[in-house]
PDB file of N, CA and C in Angstrom:
ATOM      1  N   MET A   1       7.828 -16.375 -69.580  1.00  0.00           N
ATOM      2  CA  MET A   1       8.539 -15.402 -68.631  1.00  0.00           C
ATOM      3  C   MET A   1       8.607 -14.175 -69.170  1.00  0.00           C
ATOM      4  N   ALA A   2       8.131 -13.069 -68.662  1.00  0.00           N
ATOM      5  CA  ALA A   2       8.418 -11.574 -69.145  1.00  0.00           C
ATOM      6  C   ALA A   2      10.216 -11.966 -69.110  1.00  0.00           C
ATOM      7  N   ARG A   3      10.601 -10.708 -70.756  1.00  0.00           N
ATOM      8  CA  ARG A   3      11.727 -10.662 -70.383  1.00  0.00           C
ATOM      9  C   ARG A   3      12.452  -9.601 -69.520  1.00  0.00           C
ATOM     10  N   VAL A   4      13.626 -10.028 -68.866  1.00  0.00           N
ATOM     11  CA  VAL A   4      14.074  -9.525 -68.316  1.00  0.00           C
ATOM     12  C   VAL A   4      15.125  -8.151 -68.559  1.00  0.00           C
ATOM     13  N   THR A   5      14.895  -6.736 -68.421  1.00  0.00           N
ATOM     14  CA  THR A   5      15.644  -5.878 -69.032  1.00  0.00           C
ATOM     15  C   THR A   5      16.913  -4.991 -67.967  1.00  0.00           C
ATOM     16  N   VAL A   6      17.553  -4.390 -68.786  1.00  0.00           N
ATOM     17  CA  VAL A   6      18.456  -3.813 -67.694  1.00  0.00           C
ATOM     18  C   VAL A   6      18.106  -2.862 -66.293  1.00  0.00           C
ATOM     19  N   GLU A   7      16.854  -2.077 -66.955  1.00  0.00           N
ATOM     20  CA  GLU A   7      16.201  -1.388 -66.423  1.00  0.00           C
ATOM     21  C   GLU A   7      15.629  -2.238 -65.089  1.00  0.00           C
ATOM     22  N   ASP A   8      15.101  -3.284 -65.191  1.00  0.00           N
ATOM     23  CA  ASP A   8      15.025  -4.114 -63.484  1.00  0.00           C
ATOM     24  C   ASP A   8      15.944  -4.062 -63.167  1.00  0.00           C
ATOM     25  N   CYS A   9      16.889  -4.481 -63.666  1.00  0.00           N
ATOM     26  CA  CYS A   9      18.339  -4.665 -62.731  1.00  0.00           C
ATOM     27  C   CYS A   9      18.579  -3.746 -62.140  1.00  0.00           C
ATOM     28  N   LEU A  10      18.540  -2.115 -63.179  1.00  0.00           N
ATOM     29  CA  LEU A  10      19.199  -0.985 -62.146  1.00  0.00           C
ATOM     30  C   LEU A  10      18.175  -0.734 -60.946  1.00  0.00           C
ATOM     31  N   GLU A  11      17.177  -1.474 -60.492  1.00  0.00           N
ATOM     32  CA  GLU A  11      16.437  -1.061 -59.836  1.00  0.00           C
ATOM     33  C   GLU A  11      17.278  -1.611 -58.152  1.00  0.00           C
ATOM     34  N   LYS A  12      17.642  -2.546 -58.300  1.00  0.00           N
ATOM     35  CA  LYS A  12      18.400  -3.182 -57.216  1.00  0.00           C
ATOM     36  C   LYS A  12      20.055  -2.638 -57.377  1.00  0.00           C
ATOM     37  N   VAL A  13      20.661  -2.474 -58.597  1.00  0.00           N
ATOM     38  CA  VAL A  13      22.041  -2.495 -58.604  1.00  0.00           C
ATOM     39  C   VAL A  13      22.189  -0.955 -59.352  1.00  0.00           C
ATOM     40  N   PRO A  14      22.094   0.207 -58.594  1.00  0.00           N
ATOM     41  CA  PRO A  14      21.688   1.656 -59.777  1.00  0.00           C
ATOM     42  C   PRO A  14      23.190   1.759 -60.714  1.00  0.00           C
ATOM     43  N   ASN A  15      24.424   0.935 -60.519  1.00  0.00           N
ATOM     44  CA  ASN A  15      25.663   1.304 -61.039  1.00  0.00           C
ATOM     45  C   ASN A  15      25.569   0.425 -61.917  1.00  0.00           C
ATOM     46  N   ARG A  16      25.160   0.666 -63.349  1.00  0.00           N
ATOM     47  CA  ARG A  16      25.684  -0.262 -64.811  1.00  0.00           C
ATOM     48  C   ARG A  16      27.013  -1.138 -64.468  1.00  0.00           C
ATOM     49  N   PHE A  17      27.851  -0.477 -64.657  1.00  0.00           N
ATOM     50  CA  PHE A  17      29.265  -0.837 -64.625  1.00  0.00           C
ATOM     51  C   PHE A  17      29.317  -2.226 -63.139  1.00  0.00           C
ATOM     52  N   ALA A  18      28.677  -1.729 -61.845  1.00  0.00           N
ATOM     53  CA  ALA A  18      28.305  -2.762 -60.745  1.00  0.00           C
ATOM     54  C   ALA A  18      27.767  -3.917 -61.254  1.00  0.00           C
ATOM     55  N   LEU A  19      26.519  -3.877 -62.269  1.00  0.00           N
ATOM     56  CA  LEU A  19      25.470  -4.440 -62.259  1.00  0.00           C
ATOM     57  C   LEU A  19      26.342  -5.339 -63.492  1.00  0.00           C
ATOM     58  N   VAL A  20      27.026  -5.241 -64.520  1.00  0.00           N
ATOM     59  CA  VAL A  20      27.747  -6.288 -65.233  1.00  0.00           C
ATOM     60  C   VAL A  20      28.791  -6.930 -64.820  1.00  0.00           C
ATOM     61  N   ILE A  21      29.362  -6.158 -63.532  1.00  0.00           N
ATOM     62  CA  ILE A  21      30.306  -7.224 -62.796  1.00  0.00           C
ATOM     63  C   ILE A  21      29.637  -8.087 -61.948  1.00  0.00           C
ATOM     64  N   LEU A  22      28.787  -7.887 -61.454  1.00  0.00           N
ATOM     65  CA  LEU A  22      27.633  -9.023 -60.174  1.00  0.00           C
ATOM     66  C   LEU A  22      27.015  -9.836 -61.157  1.00  0.00           C
ATOM     67  N   ALA A  23      26.846  -9.617 -62.511  1.00  0.00           N
ATOM     68  CA  ALA A  23      25.655 -10.518 -63.385  1.00  0.00           C
ATOM     69  C   ALA A  23      26.862 -11.440 -64.019  1.00  0.00           C
ATOM     70  N   ALA A  24      28.282 -11.144 -64.467  1.00  0.00           N
ATOM     71  CA  ALA A  24      29.040 -11.466 -64.930  1.00  0.00           C
ATOM     72  C   ALA A  24      29.880 -12.728 -63.987  1.00  0.00           C
ATOM     73  N   GLU A  25      30.037 -12.352 -62.393  1.00  0.00           N
ATOM     74  CA  GLU A  25      30.339 -12.814 -61.421  1.00  0.00           C
ATOM     75  C   GLU A  25      29.214 -14.349 -61.212  1.00  0.00           C
ATOM     76  N   ARG A  26      28.089 -13.896 -61.142  1.00  0.00           N
ATOM     77  CA  ARG A  26      26.670 -14.789 -60.794  1.00  0.00           C
ATOM     78  C   ARG A  26      26.595 -15.993 -62.258  1.00  0.00           C
ATOM     79  N   ALA A  27      26.796 -15.453 -63.207  1.00  0.00           N
ATOM     80  CA  ALA A  27      26.511 -16.002 -64.375  1.00  0.00           C
ATOM     81  C   ALA A  27      27.921 -17.562 -64.360  1.00  0.00           C
ATOM     82  N   ARG A  28      29.222 -16.964 -64.107  1.00  0.00           N
ATOM     83  CA  ARG A  28      29.935 -18.065 -63.971  1.00  0.00           C
ATOM     84  C   ARG A  28      29.853 -18.959 -62.726  1.00  0.00           C
ATOM     85  N   GLN A  29      29.327 -18.412 -61.656  1.00  0.00           N
ATOM     86  CA  GLN A  29      29.060 -19.692 -60.818  1.00  0.00           C
ATOM     87  C   GLN A  29      28.034 -20.566 -61.388  1.00  0.00           C
ATOM     88  N   LEU A  30      26.663 -19.986 -62.058  1.00  0.00           N
ATOM     89  CA  LEU A  30      25.770 -21.033 -62.784  1.00  0.00           C
ATOM     90  C   LEU A  30      26.626 -21.684 -63.617  1.00  0.00           C
ATOM     91  N   ALA A  31      27.681 -21.304 -64.531  1.00  0.00           N
ATOM     92  CA  ALA A  31      27.993 -21.978 -65.715  1.00  0.00           C
ATOM     93  C   ALA A  31      28.805 -23.182 -64.580  1.00  0.00           C
ATOM     94  N   SER A  32      29.566 -22.702 -63.670  1.00  0.00           N
ATOM     95  CA  SER A  32      30.183 -24.084 -63.020  1.00  0.00           C
ATOM     96  C   SER A  32      29.198 -24.899 -62.104  1.00  0.00           C
ATOM     97  N   GLY A  33      28.345 -24.651 -62.417  1.00  0.00           N
ATOM     98  CA  GLY A  33      27.259 -25.825 -61.556  1.00  0.00           C
ATOM     99  C   GLY A  33      26.315 -25.107 -60.357  1.00  0.00           C
ATOM    100  N   ALA A  34      26.502 -24.223 -60.115  1.00  0.00           N
ATOM    101  CA  ALA A  34      25.718 -23.676 -58.580  1.00  0.00           C
ATOM    102  C   ALA A  34      24.165 -23.843 -59.140  1.00  0.00           C
ATOM    103  N   SER A  35      23.460 -23.994 -58.364  1.00  0.00           N
ATOM    104  CA  SER A  35      21.815 -24.113 -58.470  1.00  0.00           C
ATOM    105  C   SER A  35      21.493 -22.589 -58.754  1.00  0.00           C
ATOM    106  N   SER A  36      20.319 -22.692 -59.906  1.00  0.00           N
ATOM    107  CA  SER A  36      19.798 -21.301 -59.886  1.00  0.00           C
ATOM    108  C   SER A  36      18.663 -21.023 -59.238  1.00  0.00           C
ATOM    109  N   LEU A  37      18.619 -19.581 -58.547  1.00  0.00           N
ATOM    110  CA  LEU A  37      17.434 -19.177 -57.746  1.00  0.00           C
ATOM    111  C   LEU A  37      16.229 -19.103 -58.735  1.00  0.00           C
ATOM    112  N   VAL A  38      16.553 -18.670 -59.803  1.00  0.00           N
ATOM    113  CA  VAL A  38      14.875 -18.814 -60.813  1.00  0.00           C
ATOM    114  C   VAL A  38      14.624 -20.099 -61.171  1.00  0.00           C
ATOM    115  N   ASP A  39      13.660 -20.205 -61.520  1.00  0.00           N
ATOM    116  CA  ASP A  39      13.007 -21.209 -62.296  1.00  0.00           C
ATOM    117  C   ASP A  39      12.672 -21.010 -63.707  1.00  0.00           C
ATOM    118  N   CYS A  40      14.031 -21.068 -64.622  1.00  0.00           N
ATOM    119  CA  CYS A  40      13.831 -21.240 -66.079  1.00  0.00           C
ATOM    120  C   CYS A  40      14.883 -22.167 -66.573  1.00  0.00           C
ATOM    121  N   GLU A  41      15.007 -22.143 -68.112  1.00  0.00           N
ATOM    122  CA  GLU A  41      15.830 -23.162 -68.785  1.00  0.00           C
ATOM    123  C   GLU A  41      16.675 -22.026 -69.498  1.00  0.00           C
ATOM    124  N   ASN A  42      17.040 -21.050 -68.903  1.00  0.00           N
ATOM    125  CA  ASN A  42      17.603 -20.191 -69.911  1.00  0.00           C
ATOM    126  C   ASN A  42      19.666 -20.202 -69.348  1.00  0.00           C
ATOM    127  N   LYS A  43      20.159 -19.782 -70.812  1.00  0.00           N
ATOM    128  CA  LYS A  43      21.602 -19.448 -70.424  1.00  0.00           C
ATOM    129  C   LYS A  43      21.897 -18.869 -69.076  1.00  0.00           C
ATOM    130  N   PRO A  44      23.355 -19.179 -68.381  1.00  0.00           N
ATOM    131  CA  PRO A  44      23.733 -18.827 -67.109  1.00  0.00           C
ATOM    132  C   PRO A  44      23.430 -16.784 -66.935  1.00  0.00           C
ATOM    133  N   ALA A  45      23.827 -16.402 -68.037  1.00  0.00           N
ATOM    134  CA  ALA A  45      23.567 -14.745 -68.033  1.00  0.00           C
ATOM    135  C   ALA A  45      22.531 -14.587 -67.908  1.00  0.00           C
ATOM    136  N   VAL A  46      21.261 -14.971 -68.143  1.00  0.00           N
ATOM    137  CA  VAL A  46      20.133 -14.337 -68.530  1.00  0.00           C
ATOM    138  C   VAL A  46      19.526 -14.974 -66.769  1.00  0.00           C
ATOM    139  N   SER A  47      19.977 -16.017 -66.783  1.00  0.00           N
ATOM    140  CA  SER A  47      19.585 -16.601 -65.291  1.00  0.00           C
ATOM    141  C   SER A  47      20.074 -15.445 -64.026  1.00  0.00           C
ATOM    142  N   ALA A  48      21.247 -15.366 -64.422  1.00  0.00           N
ATOM    143  CA  ALA A  48      21.775 -13.806 -63.377  1.00  0.00           C
ATOM    144  C   ALA A  48      20.974 -12.699 -63.086  1.00  0.00           C
ATOM    145  N   LEU A  49      20.715 -12.628 -64.399  1.00  0.00           N
ATOM    146  CA  LEU A  49      20.288 -11.447 -64.865  1.00  0.00           C
ATOM    147  C   LEU A  49      18.485 -10.933 -63.834  1.00  0.00           C
ATOM    148  N   ARG A  50      18.301 -12.307 -64.264  1.00  0.00           N
ATOM    149  CA  ARG A  50      16.720 -12.576 -63.372  1.00  0.00           C
ATOM    150  C   ARG A  50      17.132 -12.513 -62.040  1.00  0.00           C
ATOM    151  N   GLU A  51      18.279 -13.091 -61.484  1.00  0.00           N
ATOM    152  CA  GLU A  51      18.232 -13.153 -59.764  1.00  0.00           C
ATOM    153  C   GLU A  51      18.150 -12.265 -59.754  1.00  0.00           C
ATOM    154  N   VAL A  52      19.432 -11.105 -60.179  1.00  0.00           N
ATOM    155  CA  VAL A  52      19.562  -9.881 -60.015  1.00  0.00           C
ATOM    156  C   VAL A  52      18.231  -8.859 -59.690  1.00  0.00           C
ATOM    157  N   ALA A  53      17.641  -9.065 -60.780  1.00  0.00           N
ATOM    158  CA  ALA A  53      16.205  -8.196 -60.881  1.00  0.00           C
ATOM    159  C   ALA A  53      15.370  -8.384 -59.672  1.00  0.00           C
ATOM    160  N   LYS A  54      15.272  -9.589 -59.386  1.00  0.00           N
ATOM    161  CA  LYS A  54      14.494  -9.934 -58.063  1.00  0.00           C
ATOM    162  C   LYS A  54      14.859  -9.482 -56.679  1.00  0.00           C
ATOM    163  N   GLY A  55      16.407  -9.342 -57.028  1.00  0.00           N
ATOM    164  CA  GLY A  55      17.106  -8.901 -55.668  1.00  0.00           C
ATOM    165  C   GLY A  55      17.540 -10.275 -54.860  1.00  0.00           C
ATOM    166  N   TRP A  56      17.541 -11.173 -55.556  1.00  0.00           N
ATOM    167  CA  TRP A  56      18.155 -12.378 -54.831  1.00  0.00           C
ATOM    168  C   TRP A  56      19.454 -12.743 -54.678  1.00  0.00           C
ATOM    169  N   VAL A  57      20.394 -12.109 -55.789  1.00  0.00           N
ATOM    170  CA  VAL A  57      21.686 -11.763 -55.381  1.00  0.00           C
ATOM    171  C   VAL A  57      22.135 -10.528 -55.461  1.00  0.00           C
ATOM    172  N   ALA A  58      23.275 -10.318 -54.644  1.00  0.00           N
ATOM    173  CA  ALA A  58      23.914  -8.866 -54.299  1.00  0.00           C
ATOM    174  C   ALA A  58      25.076  -8.972 -54.150  1.00  0.00           C
ATOM    175  N   PHE A  59      26.366  -8.101 -53.653  1.00  0.00           N
ATOM    176  CA  PHE A  59      27.531  -7.934 -53.500  1.00  0.00           C
ATOM    177  C   PHE A  59      27.497  -8.403 -51.997  1.00  0.00           C
ATOM    178  N   ASN A  60      28.278  -8.909 -51.522  1.00  0.00           N
ATOM    179  CA  ASN A  60      28.743  -9.060 -50.309  1.00  0.00           C
ATOM    180  C   ASN A  60      30.110  -7.546 -49.535  1.00  0.00           C
ATOM    181  N   GLU A  61      30.161  -6.859 -50.015  1.00  0.00           N
ATOM    182  CA  GLU A  61      31.140  -5.587 -50.407  1.00  0.00           C
ATOM    183  C   GLU A  61      30.526  -4.995 -50.687  1.00  0.00           C
ATOM    184  N   SER A  62      30.616  -3.619 -49.992  1.00  0.00           N
ATOM    185  CA  SER A  62      30.267  -2.039 -51.585  1.00  0.00           C
ATOM    186  C   SER A  62      30.384  -2.158 -52.746  1.00  0.00           C
ATOM    187  N   VAL A  63      29.587  -1.763 -53.164  1.00  0.00           N
ATOM    188  CA  VAL A  63      29.745  -1.722 -54.830  1.00  0.00           C
ATOM    189  C   VAL A  63      30.430  -1.002 -55.003  1.00  0.00           C
ATOM    190  N   ASP A  64      31.294   0.243 -54.697  1.00  0.00           N
ATOM    191  CA  ASP A  64      32.520   0.988 -54.975  1.00  0.00           C
ATOM    192  C   ASP A  64      33.859   0.183 -54.581  1.00  0.00           C
ATOM    193  N   SER A  65      34.081  -0.843 -53.593  1.00  0.00           N
ATOM    194  CA  SER A  65      34.938  -1.233 -53.106  1.00  0.00           C
ATOM    195  C   SER A  65      35.141  -2.594 -54.172  1.00  0.00           C
ATOM    196  N   THR A  66      34.224  -3.177 -54.738  1.00  0.00           N
ATOM    197  CA  THR A  66      33.938  -3.982 -55.627  1.00  0.00           C
ATOM    198  C   THR A  66      34.667  -3.861 -57.050  1.00  0.00           C
ATOM    199  N   VAL A  67      33.919  -2.463 -57.410  1.00  0.00           N
ATOM    200  CA  VAL A  67      34.049  -1.840 -58.667  1.00  0.00           C
ATOM    201  C   VAL A  67      35.935  -1.503 -58.669  1.00  0.00           C
ATOM    202  N   PHE A  68      36.285  -1.198 -57.706  1.00  0.00           N
ATOM    203  CA  PHE A  68      37.752  -0.671 -57.537  1.00  0.00           C
ATOM    204  C   PHE A  68      38.285  -1.998 -57.371  1.00  0.00           C
ATOM    205  N   GLN A  69      38.342  -2.972 -57.091  1.00  0.00           N
ATOM    206  CA  GLN A  69      39.217  -4.351 -56.842  1.00  0.00           C
ATOM    207  C   GLN A  69      39.084  -4.971 -58.786  1.00  0.00           C
ATOM    208  N   PHE A  70      37.713  -4.621 -59.020  1.00  0.00           N
ATOM    209  CA  PHE A  70      37.851  -5.170 -60.638  1.00  0.00           C
ATOM    210  C   PHE A  70      38.969  -4.394 -61.383  1.00  0.00           C
ATOM    211  N   LEU A  71      38.641  -3.064 -61.155  1.00  0.00           N
ATOM    212  CA  LEU A  71      39.814  -1.995 -61.939  1.00  0.00           C
ATOM    213  C   LEU A  71      40.885  -2.243 -61.808  1.00  0.00           C
ATOM    214  N   GLU A  72      41.331  -2.261 -60.480  1.00  0.00           N
ATOM    215  CA  GLU A  72      43.033  -3.113 -60.339  1.00  0.00           C
ATOM    216  C   GLU A  72      43.234  -4.295 -60.583  1.00  0.00           C
ATOM    217  N   GLU A  73      42.255  -5.317 -61.187  1.00  0.00           N
ATOM    218  CA  GLU A  73      42.828  -6.433 -61.634  1.00  0.00           C
ATOM    219  C   GLU A  73      42.697  -6.090 -63.350  1.00  0.00           C
ATOM    220  N   VAL A  74      41.940  -5.144 -63.892  1.00  0.00           N
ATOM    221  CA  VAL A  74      41.945  -4.969 -65.066  1.00  0.00           C
ATOM    222  C   VAL A  74      43.048  -4.651 -65.530  1.00  0.00           C
ATOM    223  N   LYS A  75      44.042  -3.427 -64.318  1.00  0.00           N
ATOM    224  CA  LYS A  75      45.213  -3.105 -64.792  1.00  0.00           C
ATOM    225  C   LYS A  75      46.175  -3.886 -64.569  1.00  0.00           C
ATOM    226  N   ARG A  76      46.480  -4.788 -63.173  1.00  0.00           N
ATOM    227  CA  ARG A  76      47.178  -5.878 -63.413  1.00  0.00           C
ATOM    228  C   ARG A  76      47.468  -6.650 -64.669  1.00  0.00           C
ATOM    229  N   ARG A  77      46.412  -7.083 -65.118  1.00  0.00           N
ATOM    230  CA  ARG A  77      46.667  -8.088 -66.172  1.00  0.00           C
ATOM    231  C   ARG A  77      46.924  -7.320 -67.380  1.00  0.00           C
ATOM    232  N   GLY A  78      46.959  -5.738 -67.110  1.00  0.00           N
ATOM    233  CA  GLY A  78      47.717  -5.040 -68.171  1.00  0.00           C
ATOM    234  C   GLY A  78      46.889  -4.433 -69.135  1.00  0.00           C
ATOM    235  N   MET A  79      45.379  -4.768 -69.309  1.00  0.00           N
ATOM    236  CA  MET A  79      44.406  -4.706 -69.673  1.00  0.00           C
ATOM    237  C   MET A  79      43.736  -3.323 -69.869  1.00  0.00           C
ATOM    238  N   LYS A  80      43.176  -2.867 -70.709  1.00  0.00           N
ATOM    239  CA  LYS A  80      42.183  -1.138 -70.777  1.00  0.00           C
ATOM    240  C   LYS A  80      41.384  -1.145 -69.915  1.00  0.00           C
ATOM    241  N   ALA A  81      40.957  -0.375 -69.238  1.00  0.00           N
ATOM    242  CA  ALA A  81      39.752  -0.246 -68.384  1.00  0.00           C
ATOM    243  C   ALA A  81      38.670   0.372 -68.825  1.00  0.00           C
ATOM    244  N   PRO A  82      37.664   0.113 -68.734  1.00  0.00           N
ATOM    245  CA  PRO A  82      36.344   0.696 -69.987  1.00  0.00           C
ATOM    246  C   PRO A  82      36.408   2.297 -69.223  1.00  0.00           C
ATOM    247  N   ARG A  83      35.716   2.611 -70.253  1.00  0.00           N
ATOM    248  CA  ARG A  83      35.305   4.282 -69.842  1.00  0.00           C
ATOM    249  C   ARG A  83      33.939   4.473 -69.585  1.00  0.00           C
TER     250      ARG A  83
END
């Protein structure tokens, strides 16, 4: 199977920061036992990116809302927000 690239995923999720949040959440789901939507034997992070690139996973909320919620969680935990 061809390598998945960030550029492939950015066609579906144009914000790199949002892409990381989406792929990380999906990878956590896969690592916890969720069924993969792609037929491959990759690690959860790679499978998650393949699903994003195919447009099979997306945000339930707006991207802006999701990013804002993530940043609020970072602040709540006392972590530094990415720049």
